[in-house]
Amino acid sequence: MIAVLLDRYLRDWRHRSFAWGEADCVRFTAGWVALVTGRDPVAATAGRYAGCREALRLMRGVTGSADLVEATGLILGAPLDLPLMARLGDVAALATPAGPALGLCAGDAIAAPGPAGLVRRPLTAIIAAWRIGGPTAEVVGGAEEGRILPIAGQGTTASFHLLGSLTDPSLSRGQNGFHATSQAWPSRSAK
């Protein structure tokens, strides 16, 4: 079930150009959390920032922290003890040359928004991860809170590849402040 949902979600995002407040790493992961749990943990922030400084200021106002990893933990709960144990559909914070970013575990890689669509980052870039979806997470709090509480659970790690081909030029610092070195998302036939 998670694999099918994630496949559809990644297809919807694969060509969205990075845009602060609309198609950035926070909106990407929050949209996934909303799809899986029925609650967008940061719905009130959508479209309320158009740059990195505004995003940091808003994040500090909402969570009390301007650190992306800490703020994500304040919203999603405690991260996994072993970040590399992230599995399909989990939210992951990853290291990039520009600083931390958020993405989704897509089996053997992390999918994250880039300037011209989704980019593929190695699992070794994960610095923190949060369990999301299925029998391994539950929504707690009222409708206004909508926090995700990771809970223990058994599951399998699946190798997952987005159908179709995603291209990704080498990313460089641009007007949106994003830069990282990533690989193109492989097509199924590339295996």
Protein backbone atom coordinates (compact mmCIF):
# COMPACT_ATOMS: atom_id res chain seq x y z
CA MET A 1 0.00 0.00 0.00
CA ILE A 2 2.72 2.50 0.96
CA ALA A 3 4.69 1.63 -2.19
CA VAL A 4 1.70 2.38 -4.42
CA LEU A 5 0.94 5.66 -2.64
CA LEU A 6 4.57 6.71 -2.74
CA ASP A 7 4.86 5.85 -6.43
CA ARG A 8 1.89 8.09 -7.22
CA TYR A 9 3.16 10.86 -4.97
CA LEU A 10 6.65 10.84 -6.51
CA ARG A 11 5.14 10.84 -10.00
CA ASP A 12 3.17 13.96 -9.09
CA TRP A 13 6.32 15.70 -7.85
CA ARG A 14 8.93 14.45 -10.28
CA HIS A 15 8.96 17.54 -12.52
CA ARG A 16 7.95 20.28 -10.06
CA SER A 17 10.54 23.02 -10.02
CA PHE A 18 11.76 24.11 -6.60
CA ALA A 19 9.79 27.09 -5.25
CA TRP A 20 9.98 28.27 -1.65
CA GLY A 21 6.66 27.86 0.17
CA GLU A 22 5.12 25.81 -2.64
CA ALA A 23 7.51 23.11 -3.88
CA ASP A 24 10.34 22.94 -1.36
CA CYS A 25 11.49 20.13 0.91
CA VAL A 26 9.08 21.06 3.72
CA ARG A 27 6.03 21.19 1.43
CA PHE A 28 7.15 17.93 -0.25
CA THR A 29 7.44 15.98 3.00
CA ALA A 30 4.40 17.63 4.63
CA GLY A 31 2.29 16.72 1.60
CA TRP A 32 3.36 13.10 1.98
CA VAL A 33 2.59 13.10 5.70
CA ALA A 34 -0.85 14.59 4.90
CA LEU A 35 -1.53 11.92 2.27
CA VAL A 36 -0.58 9.06 4.57
CA THR A 37 -2.06 10.34 7.85
CA GLY A 38 -4.76 12.76 6.75
CA ARG A 39 -3.05 15.65 8.55
CA ASP A 40 -0.67 18.26 7.15
CA PRO A 41 1.56 19.08 10.12
CA VAL A 42 2.52 22.49 8.72
CA ALA A 43 -0.56 23.43 6.65
CA ALA A 44 -0.61 26.94 8.11
CA THR A 45 2.81 27.70 6.59
CA ALA A 46 1.98 26.88 2.95
CA GLY A 47 2.60 29.85 0.68
CA ARG A 48 3.64 32.11 3.57
CA TYR A 49 7.30 32.35 2.61
CA ALA A 50 9.11 32.97 -0.64
CA GLY A 51 12.75 32.57 0.36
CA CYS A 52 15.15 30.92 2.74
CA ARG A 53 15.23 33.73 5.32
CA GLU A 54 11.42 33.93 5.42
CA ALA A 55 11.23 30.14 5.77
CA LEU A 56 13.66 30.15 8.69
CA ARG A 57 11.81 33.00 10.40
CA LEU A 58 8.46 31.21 9.97
CA MET A 59 9.94 27.90 11.15
CA ARG A 60 11.27 29.61 14.27
CA GLY A 61 7.85 31.16 14.89
CA VAL A 62 6.02 27.84 14.51
CA THR A 63 8.42 25.52 16.35
CA GLY A 64 10.73 27.79 18.35
CA SER A 65 13.72 26.54 16.35
CA ALA A 66 15.34 27.73 13.13
CA ASP A 67 17.24 24.43 12.79
CA LEU A 68 15.46 22.27 10.18
CA VAL A 69 16.28 18.93 11.82
CA GLU A 70 15.30 20.09 15.30
CA ALA A 71 12.11 21.75 14.02
CA THR A 72 11.14 18.59 12.12
CA GLY A 73 11.62 16.56 15.30
CA LEU A 74 9.44 19.01 17.23
CA ILE A 75 6.68 18.45 14.67
CA LEU A 76 7.06 14.74 13.85
CA GLY A 77 8.31 13.48 17.20
CA ALA A 78 11.51 11.69 18.12
CA PRO A 79 13.63 10.56 15.18
CA LEU A 80 14.63 6.95 14.66
CA ASP A 81 17.54 5.85 16.83
CA LEU A 82 19.32 4.60 13.71
CA PRO A 83 18.59 6.97 10.79
CA LEU A 84 19.81 4.45 8.22
CA MET A 85 16.92 2.19 9.30
CA ALA A 86 14.55 4.51 7.45
CA ARG A 87 12.26 2.57 5.20
CA LEU A 88 9.91 3.24 2.33
CA GLY A 89 7.91 6.42 2.92
CA ASP A 90 9.78 7.65 5.98
CA VAL A 91 10.79 11.30 6.19
CA ALA A 92 14.55 11.84 6.18
CA ALA A 93 16.73 14.85 6.88
CA LEU A 94 19.78 14.75 4.68
CA ALA A 95 23.06 16.56 4.48
CA THR A 96 23.65 18.70 1.40
CA PRO A 97 26.40 21.23 0.68
CA ALA A 98 23.80 23.97 1.24
CA GLY A 99 22.77 22.56 4.64
CA PRO A 100 20.10 20.11 5.78
CA ALA A 101 17.10 19.33 3.58
CA LEU A 102 14.14 16.98 3.89
CA GLY A 103 13.20 14.12 1.60
CA LEU A 104 11.40 10.80 1.50
CA CYS A 105 12.94 7.37 1.72
CA ALA A 106 12.27 5.69 -1.61
CA GLY A 107 13.94 2.35 -0.93
CA ASP A 108 17.56 2.58 -1.99
CA ALA A 109 17.69 6.40 -2.18
CA ILE A 110 16.15 9.57 -0.81
CA ALA A 111 13.86 11.57 -3.11
CA ALA A 112 14.00 15.32 -2.53
CA PRO A 113 12.95 18.42 -4.47
CA GLY A 114 15.55 20.04 -6.68
CA PRO A 115 15.52 23.01 -9.05
CA ALA A 116 14.01 21.05 -11.96
CA GLY A 117 12.16 18.26 -10.13
CA LEU A 118 12.96 15.42 -7.80
CA VAL A 119 16.56 14.46 -7.24
CA ARG A 120 18.02 11.23 -5.96
CA ARG A 121 20.30 11.40 -2.92
CA PRO A 122 22.16 8.43 -1.38
CA LEU A 123 20.95 6.88 1.85
CA THR A 124 24.33 7.72 3.35
CA ALA A 125 23.30 11.41 3.27
CA ILE A 126 20.63 10.76 5.95
CA ILE A 127 21.32 12.56 9.23
CA ALA A 128 17.92 11.89 10.88
CA ALA A 129 14.74 10.02 9.95
CA TRP A 130 11.16 9.77 11.19
CA ARG A 131 8.82 6.80 10.76
CA ILE A 132 5.70 7.73 8.78
CA GLY A 133 2.70 5.76 7.61
CA GLY A 134 1.02 2.43 7.81
CA PRO A 135 1.04 0.51 11.07
CA THR A 136 4.21 2.28 12.20
CA ALA A 137 2.85 5.75 12.97
CA GLU A 138 -0.27 7.34 14.30
CA VAL A 139 -1.63 10.86 14.36
CA VAL A 140 -1.92 12.34 17.84
CA GLY A 141 -3.33 15.59 19.13
CA GLY A 142 -6.33 17.59 18.00
CA ALA A 143 -7.05 18.78 14.48
CA GLU A 144 -5.15 21.97 15.17
CA GLU A 145 -2.10 20.05 16.33
CA GLY A 146 -1.90 17.16 13.88
CA ARG A 147 1.46 15.88 15.15
CA ILE A 148 2.85 12.54 14.10
CA LEU A 149 4.09 10.19 16.80
CA PRO A 150 6.45 7.48 15.60
CA ILE A 151 5.79 4.11 17.22
CA ALA A 152 7.63 0.82 17.01
CA GLY A 153 6.56 -1.65 14.40
CA GLN A 154 7.72 -4.45 12.16
CA GLY A 155 8.00 -4.01 8.44
CA THR A 156 10.01 -4.70 5.39
CA THR A 157 12.35 -2.51 3.44
CA ALA A 158 11.46 -2.53 -0.23
CA SER A 159 13.60 -1.47 -3.10
CA PHE A 160 11.58 1.11 -4.98
CA HIS A 161 12.17 2.95 -8.22
CA LEU A 162 9.97 5.59 -9.73
CA LEU A 163 8.67 4.50 -13.10
CA GLY A 164 9.90 6.67 -15.92
CA SER A 165 13.00 8.77 -16.10
CA LEU A 166 13.84 11.86 -14.08
CA THR A 167 16.64 14.04 -15.28
CA ASP A 168 18.79 16.10 -12.99
CA PRO A 169 21.56 18.37 -14.15
CA SER A 170 24.30 18.91 -11.62
CA LEU A 171 22.75 21.35 -9.21
CA SER A 172 24.39 24.66 -8.51
CA ARG A 173 23.65 27.66 -6.36
CA GLY A 174 20.82 29.54 -8.00
CA GLN A 175 18.25 32.14 -7.14
CA ASN A 176 16.51 29.78 -4.73
CA GLY A 177 19.71 29.18 -2.75
CA PHE A 178 19.70 25.41 -3.38
CA HIS A 179 22.80 23.59 -4.42
CA ALA A 180 23.82 19.99 -4.15
CA THR A 181 25.28 17.24 -6.21
CA SER A 182 22.70 14.60 -7.00
CA GLN A 183 22.06 11.84 -9.46
CA ALA A 184 19.21 11.58 -11.92
CA TRP A 185 16.40 9.34 -10.75
CA PRO A 186 16.86 6.05 -12.63
CA SER A 187 14.24 4.61 -14.91
CA ARG A 188 13.02 1.13 -14.18
CA SER A 189 14.84 -0.11 -17.30
CA ALA A 190 18.15 1.20 -15.88
CA LYS A 191 18.24 -1.70 -13.42
